[in-house]
């Protein structure tokens, strides 16, 4: 975990800062889907135009906003996210936790029986115990 460095400066001095990949490209997830490179680009542009980032939930529960995203960008590996957590979460550890995206499928295709997501709208990004994408993990905290 120490090989990654979060680039943001703490904004509100919440309980814990962290960073990692909310989604990693070309990885077959537990729903038999893969996210293609470039899938997040347009959605991120729309969020930036509004001056916000997607909400941060715990286990995709809309009533459980647990912090804020400070940075989110698509790079060559996937959807990089940096955030701060404001609540202690029972049973969750930033050192072992994962990340998960909730999205609206805009465009996809089937490749070898697997749905490949070419374009999506990010609805929210959650802290989760078990991410659908096995490489969507918190990498530094």
C-alpha atoms as a PDB file:
ATOM      1  CA  UNK A   1       0.000   0.000   0.000  1.00  0.00           C
ATOM      2  CA  UNK A   2       2.866   2.393   0.541  1.00  0.00           C
ATOM      3  CA  UNK A   3       3.813   2.511  -3.159  1.00  0.00           C
ATOM      4  CA  UNK A   4       0.905   4.876  -3.900  1.00  0.00           C
ATOM      5  CA  UNK A   5       0.671   8.488  -2.815  1.00  0.00           C
ATOM      6  CA  UNK A   6      -2.526  10.494  -2.722  1.00  0.00           C
ATOM      7  CA  UNK A   7      -1.994  13.885  -4.288  1.00  0.00           C
ATOM      8  CA  UNK A   8      -4.692  15.985  -2.646  1.00  0.00           C
ATOM      9  CA  UNK A   9      -4.330  18.234   0.359  1.00  0.00           C
ATOM     10  CA  UNK A  10      -6.704  17.482   3.211  1.00  0.00           C
ATOM     11  CA  UNK A  11      -9.734  19.720   2.931  1.00  0.00           C
ATOM     12  CA  UNK A  12     -11.922  19.156   5.962  1.00  0.00           C
ATOM     13  CA  UNK A  13      -9.642  17.113   8.211  1.00  0.00           C
ATOM     14  CA  UNK A  14     -11.987  14.159   8.258  1.00  0.00           C
ATOM     15  CA  UNK A  15     -11.053  10.851   9.904  1.00  0.00           C
ATOM     16  CA  UNK A  16      -9.159   9.201   7.100  1.00  0.00           C
ATOM     17  CA  UNK A  17      -7.766   9.942   3.681  1.00  0.00           C
ATOM     18  CA  UNK A  18      -7.190   7.229   1.123  1.00  0.00           C
ATOM     19  CA  UNK A  19      -6.723   6.565  -2.562  1.00  0.00           C
ATOM     20  CA  UNK A  20      -7.043   3.674  -4.952  1.00  0.00           C
ATOM     21  CA  UNK A  21      -8.768   2.350  -8.029  1.00  0.00           C
ATOM     22  CA  UNK A  22     -12.571   2.359  -8.040  1.00  0.00           C
ATOM     23  CA  UNK A  23     -12.425   0.298 -11.234  1.00  0.00           C
ATOM     24  CA  UNK A  24      -9.606  -1.339 -13.175  1.00  0.00           C
ATOM     25  CA  UNK A  25      -9.880  -1.676 -16.942  1.00  0.00           C
ATOM     26  CA  UNK A  26     -10.154  -4.996 -18.747  1.00  0.00           C
ATOM     27  CA  UNK A  27     -10.661  -7.038 -15.563  1.00  0.00           C
ATOM     28  CA  UNK A  28     -13.484  -9.572 -15.587  1.00  0.00           C
ATOM     29  CA  UNK A  29     -15.603  -8.784 -12.532  1.00  0.00           C
ATOM     30  CA  UNK A  30     -17.971 -10.948 -10.501  1.00  0.00           C
ATOM     31  CA  UNK A  31     -20.900  -9.848 -12.691  1.00  0.00           C
ATOM     32  CA  UNK A  32     -19.132 -11.170 -15.798  1.00  0.00           C
ATOM     33  CA  UNK A  33     -18.483  -7.641 -17.079  1.00  0.00           C
ATOM     34  CA  UNK A  34     -15.391  -5.692 -18.085  1.00  0.00           C
ATOM     35  CA  UNK A  35     -14.976  -1.932 -18.227  1.00  0.00           C
ATOM     36  CA  UNK A  36     -13.183  -0.694 -21.352  1.00  0.00           C
ATOM     37  CA  UNK A  37     -10.641   2.121 -21.429  1.00  0.00           C
ATOM     38  CA  UNK A  38     -12.326   5.468 -21.947  1.00  0.00           C
ATOM     39  CA  UNK A  39     -15.630   4.373 -20.403  1.00  0.00           C
ATOM     40  CA  UNK A  40     -15.494   7.004 -17.632  1.00  0.00           C
ATOM     41  CA  UNK A  41     -14.255   9.982 -19.644  1.00  0.00           C
ATOM     42  CA  UNK A  42     -17.534  11.658 -20.591  1.00  0.00           C
ATOM     43  CA  UNK A  43     -19.150  11.088 -17.209  1.00  0.00           C
ATOM     44  CA  UNK A  44     -16.189  12.704 -15.444  1.00  0.00           C
ATOM     45  CA  UNK A  45     -16.374  15.702 -17.791  1.00  0.00           C
ATOM     46  CA  UNK A  46     -20.051  16.148 -16.870  1.00  0.00           C
ATOM     47  CA  UNK A  47     -19.280  16.021 -13.132  1.00  0.00           C
ATOM     48  CA  UNK A  48     -16.418  18.508 -13.494  1.00  0.00           C
ATOM     49  CA  UNK A  49     -18.658  20.898 -15.427  1.00  0.00           C
ATOM     50  CA  UNK A  50     -20.953  20.925 -12.383  1.00  0.00           C
ATOM     51  CA  UNK A  51     -18.027  21.349  -9.990  1.00  0.00           C
ATOM     52  CA  UNK A  52     -18.777  18.116  -8.102  1.00  0.00           C
ATOM     53  CA  UNK A  53     -17.763  14.465  -7.960  1.00  0.00           C
ATOM     54  CA  UNK A  54     -20.007  11.421  -7.495  1.00  0.00           C
ATOM     55  CA  UNK A  55     -21.214  10.727  -3.952  1.00  0.00           C
ATOM     56  CA  UNK A  56     -19.330   8.347  -1.642  1.00  0.00           C
ATOM     57  CA  UNK A  57     -21.568   5.709  -0.060  1.00  0.00           C
ATOM     58  CA  UNK A  58     -20.906   2.673   2.075  1.00  0.00           C
ATOM     59  CA  UNK A  59     -21.903  -0.605   0.366  1.00  0.00           C
ATOM     60  CA  UNK A  60     -23.998   1.306  -2.231  1.00  0.00           C
ATOM     61  CA  UNK A  61     -26.533   2.404   0.405  1.00  0.00           C
ATOM     62  CA  UNK A  62     -27.831   5.872  -0.608  1.00  0.00           C
ATOM     63  CA  UNK A  63     -28.573   6.859   2.988  1.00  0.00           C
ATOM     64  CA  UNK A  64     -25.001   6.184   4.088  1.00  0.00           C
ATOM     65  CA  UNK A  65     -22.828   9.015   2.803  1.00  0.00           C
ATOM     66  CA  UNK A  66     -19.516   8.340   4.531  1.00  0.00           C
ATOM     67  CA  UNK A  67     -17.164  10.944   3.108  1.00  0.00           C
ATOM     68  CA  UNK A  68     -16.234  12.873   0.021  1.00  0.00           C
ATOM     69  CA  UNK A  69     -14.212  12.311  -3.104  1.00  0.00           C
ATOM     70  CA  UNK A  70     -11.486  14.901  -3.555  1.00  0.00           C
ATOM     71  CA  UNK A  71     -10.168  13.684  -6.903  1.00  0.00           C
ATOM     72  CA  UNK A  72     -11.334  11.240  -9.536  1.00  0.00           C
ATOM     73  CA  UNK A  73      -9.750  10.651 -12.922  1.00  0.00           C
ATOM     74  CA  UNK A  74      -9.394   8.027 -15.584  1.00  0.00           C
ATOM     75  CA  UNK A  75      -5.805   6.979 -16.210  1.00  0.00           C
ATOM     76  CA  UNK A  76      -4.217   4.150 -18.196  1.00  0.00           C
ATOM     77  CA  UNK A  77      -5.062   1.614 -15.462  1.00  0.00           C
ATOM     78  CA  UNK A  78      -8.621   2.528 -14.502  1.00  0.00           C
ATOM     79  CA  UNK A  79     -10.683   4.977 -12.445  1.00  0.00           C
ATOM     80  CA  UNK A  80      -8.353   6.530  -9.845  1.00  0.00           C
ATOM     81  CA  UNK A  81     -10.076   8.018  -6.798  1.00  0.00           C
ATOM     82  CA  UNK A  82      -8.883   9.953  -3.766  1.00  0.00           C
ATOM     83  CA  UNK A  83     -11.118  10.750  -0.835  1.00  0.00           C
ATOM     84  CA  UNK A  84     -11.666  11.351   2.849  1.00  0.00           C
ATOM     85  CA  UNK A  85     -13.852   9.306   5.188  1.00  0.00           C
ATOM     86  CA  UNK A  86     -15.779  11.039   7.950  1.00  0.00           C
ATOM     87  CA  UNK A  87     -17.204   8.034   9.777  1.00  0.00           C
ATOM     88  CA  UNK A  88     -15.746   4.934  11.378  1.00  0.00           C
ATOM     89  CA  UNK A  89     -17.400   2.008   9.638  1.00  0.00           C
ATOM     90  CA  UNK A  90     -18.040  -1.129  11.653  1.00  0.00           C
ATOM     91  CA  UNK A  91     -16.192  -4.027  10.060  1.00  0.00           C
ATOM     92  CA  UNK A  92     -14.496  -1.874   7.395  1.00  0.00           C
ATOM     93  CA  UNK A  93     -10.802  -1.053   7.218  1.00  0.00           C
ATOM     94  CA  UNK A  94      -9.161   1.396   4.825  1.00  0.00           C
ATOM     95  CA  UNK A  95      -6.170  -0.943   4.807  1.00  0.00           C
ATOM     96  CA  UNK A  96      -8.127  -3.929   3.443  1.00  0.00           C
ATOM     97  CA  UNK A  97     -11.249  -2.393   1.913  1.00  0.00           C
ATOM     98  CA  UNK A  98     -12.346  -2.138  -1.649  1.00  0.00           C
ATOM     99  CA  UNK A  99     -14.098   0.301  -3.936  1.00  0.00           C
ATOM    100  CA  UNK A 100     -17.071  -0.248  -6.209  1.00  0.00           C
ATOM    101  CA  UNK A 101     -18.812   1.801  -8.858  1.00  0.00           C
ATOM    102  CA  UNK A 102     -22.535   2.081  -9.412  1.00  0.00           C
ATOM    103  CA  UNK A 103     -23.215   3.146 -12.975  1.00  0.00           C
ATOM    104  CA  UNK A 104     -25.743   3.532 -15.740  1.00  0.00           C
ATOM    105  CA  UNK A 105     -24.733   1.629 -18.853  1.00  0.00           C
ATOM    106  CA  UNK A 106     -24.712   3.997 -21.841  1.00  0.00           C
ATOM    107  CA  UNK A 107     -23.021   1.775 -24.415  1.00  0.00           C
ATOM    108  CA  UNK A 108     -21.737  -1.780 -24.261  1.00  0.00           C
ATOM    109  CA  UNK A 109     -21.184  -4.806 -26.440  1.00  0.00           C
ATOM    110  CA  UNK A 110     -20.890  -8.550 -25.954  1.00  0.00           C
ATOM    111  CA  UNK A 111     -17.481 -10.121 -26.510  1.00  0.00           C
ATOM    112  CA  UNK A 112     -17.126 -13.863 -25.985  1.00  0.00           C
ATOM    113  CA  UNK A 113     -20.215 -13.965 -23.768  1.00  0.00           C
ATOM    114  CA  UNK A 114     -18.950 -11.109 -21.579  1.00  0.00           C
ATOM    115  CA  UNK A 115     -20.517  -7.651 -21.456  1.00  0.00           C
ATOM    116  CA  UNK A 116     -17.883  -4.988 -22.157  1.00  0.00           C
ATOM    117  CA  UNK A 117     -18.887  -1.535 -20.897  1.00  0.00           C
ATOM    118  CA  UNK A 118     -17.709   1.044 -23.447  1.00  0.00           C
ATOM    119  CA  UNK A 119     -19.383   4.121 -21.968  1.00  0.00           C
ATOM    120  CA  UNK A 120     -21.101   4.687 -18.643  1.00  0.00           C
ATOM    121  CA  UNK A 121     -22.484   7.323 -16.327  1.00  0.00           C
ATOM    122  CA  UNK A 122     -21.064   7.105 -12.813  1.00  0.00           C
ATOM    123  CA  UNK A 123     -23.892   7.222 -10.284  1.00  0.00           C
ATOM    124  CA  UNK A 124     -21.769   6.796  -7.136  1.00  0.00           C
ATOM    125  CA  UNK A 125     -18.578   5.164  -5.879  1.00  0.00           C
ATOM    126  CA  UNK A 126     -18.787   3.162  -2.649  1.00  0.00           C
ATOM    127  CA  UNK A 127     -16.467   1.829  -0.013  1.00  0.00           C
ATOM    128  CA  UNK A 128     -17.171  -1.916   0.065  1.00  0.00           C
ATOM    129  CA  UNK A 129     -15.942  -5.016   1.819  1.00  0.00           C
ATOM    130  CA  UNK A 130     -15.902  -7.102  -1.375  1.00  0.00           C
ATOM    131  CA  UNK A 131     -15.648  -5.254  -4.694  1.00  0.00           C
ATOM    132  CA  UNK A 132     -17.118  -6.796  -7.863  1.00  0.00           C
ATOM    133  CA  UNK A 133     -13.879  -5.892  -9.648  1.00  0.00           C
ATOM    134  CA  UNK A 134     -11.264  -7.804  -7.633  1.00  0.00           C
ATOM    135  CA  UNK A 135      -8.561  -5.185  -8.351  1.00  0.00           C
ATOM    136  CA  UNK A 136     -10.717  -2.220  -7.248  1.00  0.00           C
ATOM    137  CA  UNK A 137      -8.925  -1.655  -3.967  1.00  0.00           C
ATOM    138  CA  UNK A 138      -7.754   1.052  -1.622  1.00  0.00           C
ATOM    139  CA  UNK A 139      -4.019   1.272  -2.227  1.00  0.00           C
ATOM    140  CA  UNK A 140      -2.900   3.858   0.336  1.00  0.00           C
ATOM    141  CA  UNK A 141      -4.424   5.212   3.511  1.00  0.00           C
END
